[in-house]
Amino acid sequence: MGNISLLNKNSIAIIGSRNSSEYGRNITKKITKELVENNMVIVSGMAKGIDSIAHESCIKHAGKTIAVLGSGFKHIYPKENEKLFYNIIENDGLVLSEFPIDSPVQMKNFPRRNRIISGLALGVLVIEAAYRSGTSITAKFAKAQGKEVFCIPNSIGNKNSYGTIDLIKKRCNSS
């Protein structure tokens, strides 16, 4: 639903922790604003936390955003993002789902959805991620698709940095 021409624009995926820190939320807003100012379309999964903040910040700064759902259009998840769903469409954005319109929310669908998030974008920006999270799954898809993965961790002791630190460590060890 929405502006399908966005699929032909340069985009970057912004993903991260559902339980984001204040630092993570603030850096997401700052980076999203800068990317919008450079005509990048923001792609994310409309999940709680970093995903929602990226979509909202993009709209606030008159940018274009694409949300990829892990359910059908009649079952927005999380429920509190129903307003965001309509806000994206009303602001010339795009909401995609590979699932039939009546498909219920099933957790097994979210890893499948993540491959589309990374596939649409030139690269993936990870802002905070717990170890073995959906964010880490998206980063793995991005690497397999030959996409760049960029990471912004929080402080070393923060649980939302374990996944990003692991991604950075793997990148350093593969060079």
N, C-alpha and C. Protein backbone atom coordinates (compact mmCIF):
# COMPACT_ATOMS: atom_id res chain seq x y z
N MET A 1 0.85 -1.18 0.00
CA MET A 1 0.00 0.00 0.00
C MET A 1 0.89 1.24 0.00
N GLY A 2 0.58 2.19 -0.89
CA GLY A 2 1.31 3.43 -0.88
C GLY A 2 2.10 3.67 -2.15
N ASN A 3 3.18 4.39 -2.00
CA ASN A 3 4.00 4.87 -3.11
C ASN A 3 5.01 3.81 -3.57
N ILE A 4 4.62 3.01 -4.52
CA ILE A 4 5.45 1.90 -4.99
C ILE A 4 6.71 2.40 -5.73
N SER A 5 6.70 3.65 -6.19
CA SER A 5 7.89 4.18 -6.88
C SER A 5 9.09 4.27 -5.94
N LEU A 6 8.87 4.22 -4.64
CA LEU A 6 9.98 4.26 -3.68
C LEU A 6 10.91 3.06 -3.84
N LEU A 7 10.41 1.99 -4.42
CA LEU A 7 11.24 0.81 -4.64
C LEU A 7 12.37 1.08 -5.62
N ASN A 8 12.25 2.16 -6.40
CA ASN A 8 13.27 2.52 -7.38
C ASN A 8 14.23 3.61 -6.89
N LYS A 9 14.14 3.95 -5.61
CA LYS A 9 14.97 5.01 -5.03
C LYS A 9 16.08 4.39 -4.19
N ASN A 10 17.14 5.16 -3.96
CA ASN A 10 18.20 4.73 -3.06
C ASN A 10 17.68 4.69 -1.64
N SER A 11 17.93 3.58 -0.97
CA SER A 11 17.42 3.44 0.39
C SER A 11 18.44 2.77 1.30
N ILE A 12 18.24 3.00 2.57
CA ILE A 12 19.05 2.33 3.58
C ILE A 12 18.09 1.81 4.65
N ALA A 13 18.36 0.63 5.14
CA ALA A 13 17.55 0.05 6.21
C ALA A 13 18.14 0.50 7.55
N ILE A 14 17.26 0.92 8.43
CA ILE A 14 17.64 1.24 9.81
C ILE A 14 16.88 0.29 10.70
N ILE A 15 17.63 -0.51 11.45
CA ILE A 15 17.02 -1.52 12.30
C ILE A 15 17.71 -1.51 13.66
N GLY A 16 17.05 -2.11 14.64
CA GLY A 16 17.67 -2.17 15.96
C GLY A 16 16.75 -2.73 17.01
N SER A 17 17.16 -2.54 18.22
CA SER A 17 16.50 -3.13 19.38
C SER A 17 15.08 -2.60 19.59
N ARG A 18 14.18 -3.51 19.94
CA ARG A 18 12.83 -3.10 20.35
C ARG A 18 12.90 -2.39 21.70
N ASN A 19 13.81 -2.82 22.55
CA ASN A 19 13.98 -2.22 23.88
C ASN A 19 15.16 -1.25 23.83
N SER A 20 15.03 -0.24 23.01
CA SER A 20 16.13 0.68 22.78
C SER A 20 16.39 1.60 23.97
N SER A 21 17.62 2.05 24.05
CA SER A 21 18.01 3.00 25.10
C SER A 21 17.73 4.42 24.62
N GLU A 22 17.84 5.37 25.52
CA GLU A 22 17.68 6.77 25.14
C GLU A 22 18.74 7.15 24.11
N TYR A 23 19.96 6.68 24.33
CA TYR A 23 21.04 6.93 23.37
C TYR A 23 20.66 6.39 21.98
N GLY A 24 20.19 5.16 21.93
CA GLY A 24 19.80 4.55 20.66
C GLY A 24 18.68 5.32 19.97
N ARG A 25 17.71 5.75 20.74
CA ARG A 25 16.60 6.53 20.16
C ARG A 25 17.12 7.86 19.61
N ASN A 26 17.97 8.53 20.37
CA ASN A 26 18.49 9.83 19.93
C ASN A 26 19.37 9.71 18.70
N ILE A 27 20.24 8.72 18.65
CA ILE A 27 21.12 8.55 17.49
C ILE A 27 20.31 8.15 16.25
N THR A 28 19.24 7.38 16.46
CA THR A 28 18.37 7.00 15.34
C THR A 28 17.73 8.25 14.73
N LYS A 29 17.23 9.13 15.58
CA LYS A 29 16.61 10.37 15.08
C LYS A 29 17.63 11.22 14.33
N LYS A 30 18.83 11.34 14.87
CA LYS A 30 19.86 12.18 14.26
C LYS A 30 20.29 11.61 12.90
N ILE A 31 20.59 10.34 12.86
CA ILE A 31 21.06 9.73 11.61
C ILE A 31 19.95 9.69 10.57
N THR A 32 18.73 9.39 10.99
CA THR A 32 17.60 9.37 10.05
C THR A 32 17.43 10.74 9.41
N LYS A 33 17.48 11.79 10.21
CA LYS A 33 17.35 13.16 9.69
C LYS A 33 18.43 13.42 8.64
N GLU A 34 19.67 13.05 8.94
CA GLU A 34 20.77 13.28 7.99
C GLU A 34 20.59 12.48 6.70
N LEU A 35 20.12 11.25 6.82
CA LEU A 35 19.90 10.43 5.62
C LEU A 35 18.77 11.01 4.77
N VAL A 36 17.70 11.48 5.41
CA VAL A 36 16.59 12.10 4.70
C VAL A 36 17.08 13.35 3.97
N GLU A 37 17.91 14.15 4.63
CA GLU A 37 18.45 15.36 4.00
C GLU A 37 19.31 15.03 2.79
N ASN A 38 19.78 13.79 2.71
CA ASN A 38 20.57 13.32 1.56
C ASN A 38 19.76 12.43 0.63
N ASN A 39 18.44 12.60 0.68
CA ASN A 39 17.48 11.95 -0.23
C ASN A 39 17.48 10.43 -0.17
N MET A 40 17.80 9.87 0.97
CA MET A 40 17.72 8.42 1.14
C MET A 40 16.34 8.03 1.64
N VAL A 41 15.79 6.97 1.08
CA VAL A 41 14.54 6.39 1.58
C VAL A 41 14.93 5.49 2.75
N ILE A 42 14.14 5.54 3.81
CA ILE A 42 14.41 4.75 5.01
C ILE A 42 13.52 3.51 4.99
N VAL A 43 14.15 2.34 5.12
CA VAL A 43 13.44 1.06 5.15
C VAL A 43 13.56 0.48 6.55
N SER A 44 12.47 -0.03 7.08
CA SER A 44 12.52 -0.72 8.37
C SER A 44 11.31 -1.62 8.51
N GLY A 45 11.20 -2.26 9.67
CA GLY A 45 10.18 -3.27 9.87
C GLY A 45 8.99 -2.88 10.72
N MET A 46 8.87 -1.60 11.07
CA MET A 46 7.75 -1.08 11.85
C MET A 46 7.58 -1.77 13.21
N ALA A 47 8.67 -2.33 13.71
CA ALA A 47 8.63 -2.94 15.05
C ALA A 47 8.75 -1.84 16.10
N LYS A 48 8.53 -2.20 17.35
CA LYS A 48 8.74 -1.25 18.44
C LYS A 48 10.20 -0.82 18.45
N GLY A 49 10.48 0.26 19.10
CA GLY A 49 11.86 0.69 19.29
C GLY A 49 12.45 1.38 18.09
N ILE A 50 13.67 0.98 17.73
CA ILE A 50 14.45 1.65 16.69
C ILE A 50 13.70 1.72 15.36
N ASP A 51 13.04 0.64 14.95
CA ASP A 51 12.31 0.64 13.67
C ASP A 51 11.28 1.76 13.63
N SER A 52 10.44 1.82 14.64
CA SER A 52 9.37 2.83 14.69
C SER A 52 9.94 4.24 14.73
N ILE A 53 11.00 4.41 15.50
CA ILE A 53 11.62 5.74 15.61
C ILE A 53 12.19 6.17 14.25
N ALA A 54 12.79 5.23 13.52
CA ALA A 54 13.32 5.56 12.20
C ALA A 54 12.20 6.00 11.26
N HIS A 55 11.10 5.26 11.23
CA HIS A 55 9.96 5.63 10.38
C HIS A 55 9.41 7.00 10.79
N GLU A 56 9.19 7.19 12.09
CA GLU A 56 8.61 8.44 12.59
C GLU A 56 9.51 9.64 12.32
N SER A 57 10.80 9.48 12.54
CA SER A 57 11.75 10.55 12.30
C SER A 57 11.82 10.89 10.81
N CYS A 58 11.77 9.89 9.99
CA CYS A 58 11.78 10.09 8.54
C CYS A 58 10.58 10.96 8.13
N ILE A 59 9.41 10.61 8.60
CA ILE A 59 8.20 11.36 8.28
C ILE A 59 8.31 12.79 8.83
N LYS A 60 8.79 12.93 10.05
CA LYS A 60 8.92 14.25 10.69
C LYS A 60 9.78 15.18 9.85
N HIS A 61 10.79 14.64 9.18
CA HIS A 61 11.71 15.45 8.39
C HIS A 61 11.38 15.41 6.89
N ALA A 62 10.11 15.08 6.59
CA ALA A 62 9.58 15.10 5.22
C ALA A 62 10.30 14.12 4.29
N GLY A 63 10.77 13.02 4.85
CA GLY A 63 11.40 11.99 4.04
C GLY A 63 10.41 10.93 3.62
N LYS A 64 10.91 9.95 2.91
CA LYS A 64 10.10 8.82 2.45
C LYS A 64 10.56 7.55 3.15
N THR A 65 9.61 6.73 3.52
CA THR A 65 9.94 5.51 4.25
C THR A 65 9.14 4.33 3.72
N ILE A 66 9.77 3.16 3.84
CA ILE A 66 9.14 1.89 3.48
C ILE A 66 9.12 1.01 4.72
N ALA A 67 7.94 0.51 5.07
CA ALA A 67 7.80 -0.43 6.18
C ALA A 67 7.49 -1.81 5.61
N VAL A 68 8.18 -2.81 6.12
CA VAL A 68 7.95 -4.19 5.68
C VAL A 68 7.34 -4.95 6.85
N LEU A 69 6.15 -5.48 6.62
CA LEU A 69 5.41 -6.17 7.68
C LEU A 69 5.69 -7.67 7.68
N GLY A 70 5.52 -8.27 8.84
CA GLY A 70 5.64 -9.72 8.99
C GLY A 70 4.28 -10.38 9.14
N SER A 71 3.24 -9.67 8.72
CA SER A 71 1.86 -10.17 8.79
C SER A 71 1.09 -9.53 7.64
N GLY A 72 -0.20 -9.85 7.57
CA GLY A 72 -1.05 -9.23 6.56
C GLY A 72 -1.48 -7.84 6.99
N PHE A 73 -1.97 -7.06 6.04
CA PHE A 73 -2.36 -5.68 6.32
C PHE A 73 -3.49 -5.55 7.33
N LYS A 74 -4.26 -6.58 7.53
CA LYS A 74 -5.36 -6.52 8.50
C LYS A 74 -4.91 -6.86 9.92
N HIS A 75 -3.63 -7.17 10.09
CA HIS A 75 -3.11 -7.55 11.41
C HIS A 75 -1.80 -6.81 11.67
N ILE A 76 -1.90 -5.53 11.91
CA ILE A 76 -0.72 -4.71 12.15
C ILE A 76 -0.10 -5.09 13.49
N TYR A 77 1.22 -5.26 13.47
CA TYR A 77 1.94 -5.62 14.70
C TYR A 77 3.19 -4.77 14.81
N PRO A 78 3.40 -4.21 15.97
CA PRO A 78 2.56 -4.23 17.16
C PRO A 78 1.31 -3.35 16.96
N LYS A 79 0.28 -3.68 17.68
CA LYS A 79 -1.01 -3.02 17.54
C LYS A 79 -0.90 -1.50 17.69
N GLU A 80 -0.01 -1.06 18.60
CA GLU A 80 0.12 0.39 18.82
C GLU A 80 0.72 1.12 17.60
N ASN A 81 1.19 0.39 16.61
CA ASN A 81 1.75 1.02 15.41
C ASN A 81 0.74 1.14 14.27
N GLU A 82 -0.53 0.89 14.57
CA GLU A 82 -1.56 1.06 13.56
C GLU A 82 -1.58 2.50 13.04
N LYS A 83 -1.45 3.46 13.93
CA LYS A 83 -1.43 4.87 13.53
C LYS A 83 -0.20 5.13 12.64
N LEU A 84 0.94 4.56 12.99
CA LEU A 84 2.15 4.72 12.19
C LEU A 84 1.94 4.13 10.79
N PHE A 85 1.30 2.99 10.71
CA PHE A 85 0.98 2.34 9.43
C PHE A 85 0.28 3.32 8.50
N TYR A 86 -0.79 3.96 8.99
CA TYR A 86 -1.55 4.90 8.18
C TYR A 86 -0.77 6.19 7.93
N ASN A 87 0.02 6.60 8.90
CA ASN A 87 0.83 7.81 8.75
C ASN A 87 1.87 7.64 7.65
N ILE A 88 2.46 6.47 7.56
CA ILE A 88 3.43 6.19 6.48
C ILE A 88 2.75 6.34 5.12
N ILE A 89 1.60 5.73 4.96
CA ILE A 89 0.87 5.78 3.68
C ILE A 89 0.43 7.21 3.36
N GLU A 90 -0.09 7.93 4.36
CA GLU A 90 -0.56 9.30 4.15
C GLU A 90 0.57 10.26 3.82
N ASN A 91 1.80 9.91 4.16
CA ASN A 91 2.95 10.76 3.89
C ASN A 91 3.77 10.27 2.71
N ASP A 92 3.09 9.63 1.76
CA ASP A 92 3.68 9.19 0.50
C ASP A 92 4.73 8.10 0.69
N GLY A 93 4.59 7.33 1.77
CA GLY A 93 5.46 6.20 2.00
C GLY A 93 4.85 4.93 1.44
N LEU A 94 5.48 3.81 1.79
CA LEU A 94 5.04 2.51 1.28
C LEU A 94 5.08 1.49 2.40
N VAL A 95 4.04 0.67 2.47
CA VAL A 95 4.02 -0.45 3.41
C VAL A 95 3.87 -1.72 2.57
N LEU A 96 4.79 -2.67 2.80
CA LEU A 96 4.82 -3.92 2.04
C LEU A 96 4.59 -5.12 2.94
N SER A 97 4.01 -6.16 2.37
CA SER A 97 3.92 -7.44 3.04
C SER A 97 3.88 -8.52 1.97
N GLU A 98 4.61 -9.60 2.19
CA GLU A 98 4.54 -10.73 1.27
C GLU A 98 3.42 -11.69 1.67
N PHE A 99 2.76 -11.39 2.77
CA PHE A 99 1.73 -12.27 3.31
C PHE A 99 0.34 -11.82 2.87
N PRO A 100 -0.59 -12.77 2.69
CA PRO A 100 -1.96 -12.40 2.33
C PRO A 100 -2.55 -11.42 3.35
N ILE A 101 -3.46 -10.61 2.90
CA ILE A 101 -4.03 -9.52 3.70
C ILE A 101 -4.56 -9.98 5.06
N ASP A 102 -5.10 -11.19 5.15
CA ASP A 102 -5.66 -11.70 6.40
C ASP A 102 -4.67 -12.50 7.24
N SER A 103 -3.41 -12.60 6.83
CA SER A 103 -2.44 -13.40 7.58
C SER A 103 -2.26 -12.85 8.99
N PRO A 104 -2.44 -13.70 9.97
CA PRO A 104 -2.28 -13.25 11.36
C PRO A 104 -0.80 -13.06 11.71
N VAL A 105 -0.58 -12.44 12.84
CA VAL A 105 0.77 -12.25 13.35
C VAL A 105 1.29 -13.61 13.82
N GLN A 106 2.41 -14.05 13.26
CA GLN A 106 3.08 -15.28 13.66
C GLN A 106 4.56 -14.97 13.76
N MET A 107 5.15 -15.24 14.88
CA MET A 107 6.56 -14.90 15.11
C MET A 107 7.49 -15.51 14.06
N LYS A 108 7.13 -16.66 13.52
CA LYS A 108 7.98 -17.31 12.52
C LYS A 108 8.08 -16.49 11.23
N ASN A 109 7.15 -15.56 11.01
CA ASN A 109 7.17 -14.75 9.80
C ASN A 109 8.18 -13.60 9.85
N PHE A 110 8.58 -13.19 11.05
CA PHE A 110 9.44 -12.01 11.15
C PHE A 110 10.85 -12.24 10.59
N PRO A 111 11.48 -13.39 10.83
CA PRO A 111 12.77 -13.61 10.17
C PRO A 111 12.66 -13.60 8.64
N ARG A 112 11.55 -14.12 8.11
CA ARG A 112 11.33 -14.10 6.66
C ARG A 112 11.21 -12.65 6.17
N ARG A 113 10.49 -11.84 6.93
CA ARG A 113 10.31 -10.44 6.58
C ARG A 113 11.65 -9.71 6.54
N ASN A 114 12.57 -10.10 7.42
CA ASN A 114 13.85 -9.40 7.54
C ASN A 114 14.69 -9.48 6.27
N ARG A 115 14.56 -10.55 5.51
CA ARG A 115 15.34 -10.67 4.28
C ARG A 115 14.88 -9.64 3.26
N ILE A 116 13.62 -9.26 3.31
CA ILE A 116 13.09 -8.24 2.40
C ILE A 116 13.60 -6.86 2.81
N ILE A 117 13.62 -6.60 4.11
CA ILE A 117 14.14 -5.32 4.60
C ILE A 117 15.55 -5.10 4.07
N SER A 118 16.42 -6.08 4.26
CA SER A 118 17.80 -5.92 3.79
C SER A 118 17.88 -5.93 2.27
N GLY A 119 17.04 -6.70 1.63
CA GLY A 119 17.07 -6.80 0.17
C GLY A 119 16.68 -5.52 -0.54
N LEU A 120 15.83 -4.72 0.06
CA LEU A 120 15.40 -3.47 -0.56
C LEU A 120 16.44 -2.37 -0.48
N ALA A 121 17.34 -2.46 0.48
CA ALA A 121 18.24 -1.36 0.79
C ALA A 121 19.63 -1.56 0.22
N LEU A 122 20.33 -0.44 0.02
CA LEU A 122 21.73 -0.48 -0.40
C LEU A 122 22.60 -1.03 0.72
N GLY A 123 22.21 -0.76 1.95
CA GLY A 123 22.94 -1.23 3.12
C GLY A 123 22.03 -1.22 4.33
N VAL A 124 22.54 -1.77 5.42
CA VAL A 124 21.76 -1.89 6.66
C VAL A 124 22.53 -1.22 7.79
N LEU A 125 21.85 -0.32 8.48
CA LEU A 125 22.42 0.34 9.65
C LEU A 125 21.79 -0.26 10.89
N VAL A 126 22.62 -0.89 11.71
CA VAL A 126 22.16 -1.52 12.95
C VAL A 126 22.43 -0.55 14.10
N ILE A 127 21.37 -0.13 14.77
CA ILE A 127 21.50 0.74 15.93
C ILE A 127 21.05 -0.05 17.14
N GLU A 128 22.00 -0.50 17.90
CA GLU A 128 21.78 -1.33 19.08
C GLU A 128 21.13 -2.66 18.70
N ALA A 129 21.65 -3.71 19.21
CA ALA A 129 21.06 -5.03 18.97
C ALA A 129 21.49 -5.98 20.06
N ALA A 130 20.54 -6.69 20.58
CA ALA A 130 20.85 -7.75 21.53
C ALA A 130 21.48 -8.91 20.76
N TYR A 131 22.19 -9.76 21.47
CA TYR A 131 22.80 -10.93 20.86
C TYR A 131 21.69 -11.88 20.40
N ARG A 132 21.82 -12.47 19.22
CA ARG A 132 20.84 -13.39 18.65
C ARG A 132 19.44 -12.77 18.59
N SER A 133 19.35 -11.64 17.95
CA SER A 133 18.09 -10.92 17.83
C SER A 133 17.63 -10.91 16.38
N GLY A 134 16.41 -10.43 16.17
CA GLY A 134 15.92 -10.27 14.81
C GLY A 134 16.80 -9.31 14.02
N THR A 135 17.35 -8.34 14.71
CA THR A 135 18.27 -7.39 14.08
C THR A 135 19.49 -8.13 13.53
N SER A 136 20.03 -9.05 14.32
CA SER A 136 21.19 -9.83 13.87
C SER A 136 20.83 -10.71 12.67
N ILE A 137 19.62 -11.21 12.64
CA ILE A 137 19.15 -12.02 11.50
C ILE A 137 19.13 -11.16 10.24
N THR A 138 18.62 -9.93 10.36
CA THR A 138 18.59 -9.03 9.20
C THR A 138 20.00 -8.74 8.71
N ALA A 139 20.93 -8.52 9.65
CA ALA A 139 22.32 -8.25 9.27
C ALA A 139 22.91 -9.46 8.54
N LYS A 140 22.58 -10.68 8.95
CA LYS A 140 23.07 -11.88 8.27
C LYS A 140 22.53 -11.95 6.84
N PHE A 141 21.24 -11.64 6.69
CA PHE A 141 20.66 -11.61 5.34
C PHE A 141 21.39 -10.58 4.48
N ALA A 142 21.64 -9.40 5.05
CA ALA A 142 22.31 -8.33 4.31
C ALA A 142 23.69 -8.79 3.83
N LYS A 143 24.45 -9.42 4.70
CA LYS A 143 25.77 -9.92 4.31
C LYS A 143 25.66 -10.94 3.18
N ALA A 144 24.69 -11.85 3.31
CA ALA A 144 24.49 -12.88 2.28
C ALA A 144 24.08 -12.26 0.94
N GLN A 145 23.41 -11.11 1.00
CA GLN A 145 22.96 -10.41 -0.21
C GLN A 145 24.03 -9.47 -0.76
N GLY A 146 25.19 -9.45 -0.10
CA GLY A 146 26.28 -8.59 -0.55
C GLY A 146 26.11 -7.13 -0.18
N LYS A 147 25.30 -6.86 0.84
CA LYS A 147 25.05 -5.49 1.27
C LYS A 147 26.02 -5.10 2.38
N GLU A 148 26.29 -3.81 2.49
CA GLU A 148 27.09 -3.29 3.59
C GLU A 148 26.26 -3.29 4.87
N VAL A 149 26.90 -3.60 5.99
CA VAL A 149 26.26 -3.55 7.30
C VAL A 149 27.06 -2.60 8.16
N PHE A 150 26.38 -1.59 8.67
CA PHE A 150 27.00 -0.59 9.53
C PHE A 150 26.42 -0.75 10.93
N CYS A 151 27.25 -0.58 11.96
CA CYS A 151 26.80 -0.84 13.33
C CYS A 151 27.09 0.34 14.25
N ILE A 152 26.10 0.68 15.06
CA ILE A 152 26.29 1.69 16.10
C ILE A 152 25.91 1.03 17.43
N PRO A 153 26.92 0.63 18.20
CA PRO A 153 26.62 0.02 19.49
C PRO A 153 26.38 1.08 20.57
N ASN A 154 25.90 0.64 21.67
CA ASN A 154 25.79 1.47 22.86
C ASN A 154 27.05 1.20 23.66
N SER A 155 27.04 1.47 24.94
CA SER A 155 28.23 1.20 25.74
C SER A 155 28.48 -0.30 25.84
N ILE A 156 29.72 -0.68 26.06
CA ILE A 156 30.14 -2.08 26.05
C ILE A 156 29.32 -2.95 26.99
N GLY A 157 28.96 -2.46 28.17
CA GLY A 157 28.22 -3.26 29.13
C GLY A 157 26.72 -3.31 28.90
N ASN A 158 26.20 -2.57 27.94
CA ASN A 158 24.77 -2.52 27.68
C ASN A 158 24.35 -3.74 26.87
N LYS A 159 23.29 -4.43 27.31
CA LYS A 159 22.83 -5.64 26.60
C LYS A 159 22.44 -5.36 25.16
N ASN A 160 22.07 -4.10 24.85
CA ASN A 160 21.73 -3.74 23.48
C ASN A 160 22.96 -3.54 22.60
N SER A 161 24.15 -3.76 23.16
CA SER A 161 25.37 -3.67 22.37
C SER A 161 25.95 -5.03 22.02
N TYR A 162 25.50 -6.08 22.67
CA TYR A 162 26.08 -7.40 22.44
C TYR A 162 26.00 -7.80 20.97
N GLY A 163 24.85 -7.60 20.35
CA GLY A 163 24.68 -7.98 18.95
C GLY A 163 25.51 -7.12 18.02
N THR A 164 25.54 -5.80 18.26
CA THR A 164 26.32 -4.93 17.38
C THR A 164 27.81 -5.16 17.56
N ILE A 165 28.24 -5.38 18.78
CA ILE A 165 29.66 -5.66 19.02
C ILE A 165 30.05 -6.98 18.34
N ASP A 166 29.17 -7.97 18.41
CA ASP A 166 29.42 -9.25 17.75
C ASP A 166 29.54 -9.06 16.23
N LEU A 167 28.66 -8.23 15.65
CA LEU A 167 28.72 -7.97 14.20
C LEU A 167 30.03 -7.26 13.83
N ILE A 168 30.44 -6.30 14.66
CA ILE A 168 31.70 -5.59 14.40
C ILE A 168 32.88 -6.55 14.51
N LYS A 169 32.86 -7.39 15.54
CA LYS A 169 33.94 -8.36 15.75
C LYS A 169 34.04 -9.31 14.55
N LYS A 170 32.93 -9.80 14.07
CA LYS A 170 32.93 -10.71 12.92
C LYS A 170 33.46 -10.01 11.67
N ARG A 171 33.12 -8.75 11.51
CA ARG A 171 33.58 -7.97 10.34
C ARG A 171 35.09 -7.80 10.42
N CYS A 172 35.60 -7.49 11.62
CA CYS A 172 37.04 -7.28 11.79
C CYS A 172 37.82 -8.58 11.56
N ASN A 173 37.24 -9.69 11.98
CA ASN A 173 37.92 -10.98 11.85
C ASN A 173 37.85 -11.53 10.42
N SER A 174 36.94 -11.00 9.60
CA SER A 174 36.82 -11.52 8.23
C SER A 174 37.67 -10.70 7.26
N SER A 175 38.24 -9.61 7.71
CA SER A 175 39.05 -8.75 6.83
C SER A 175 40.44 -9.30 6.64
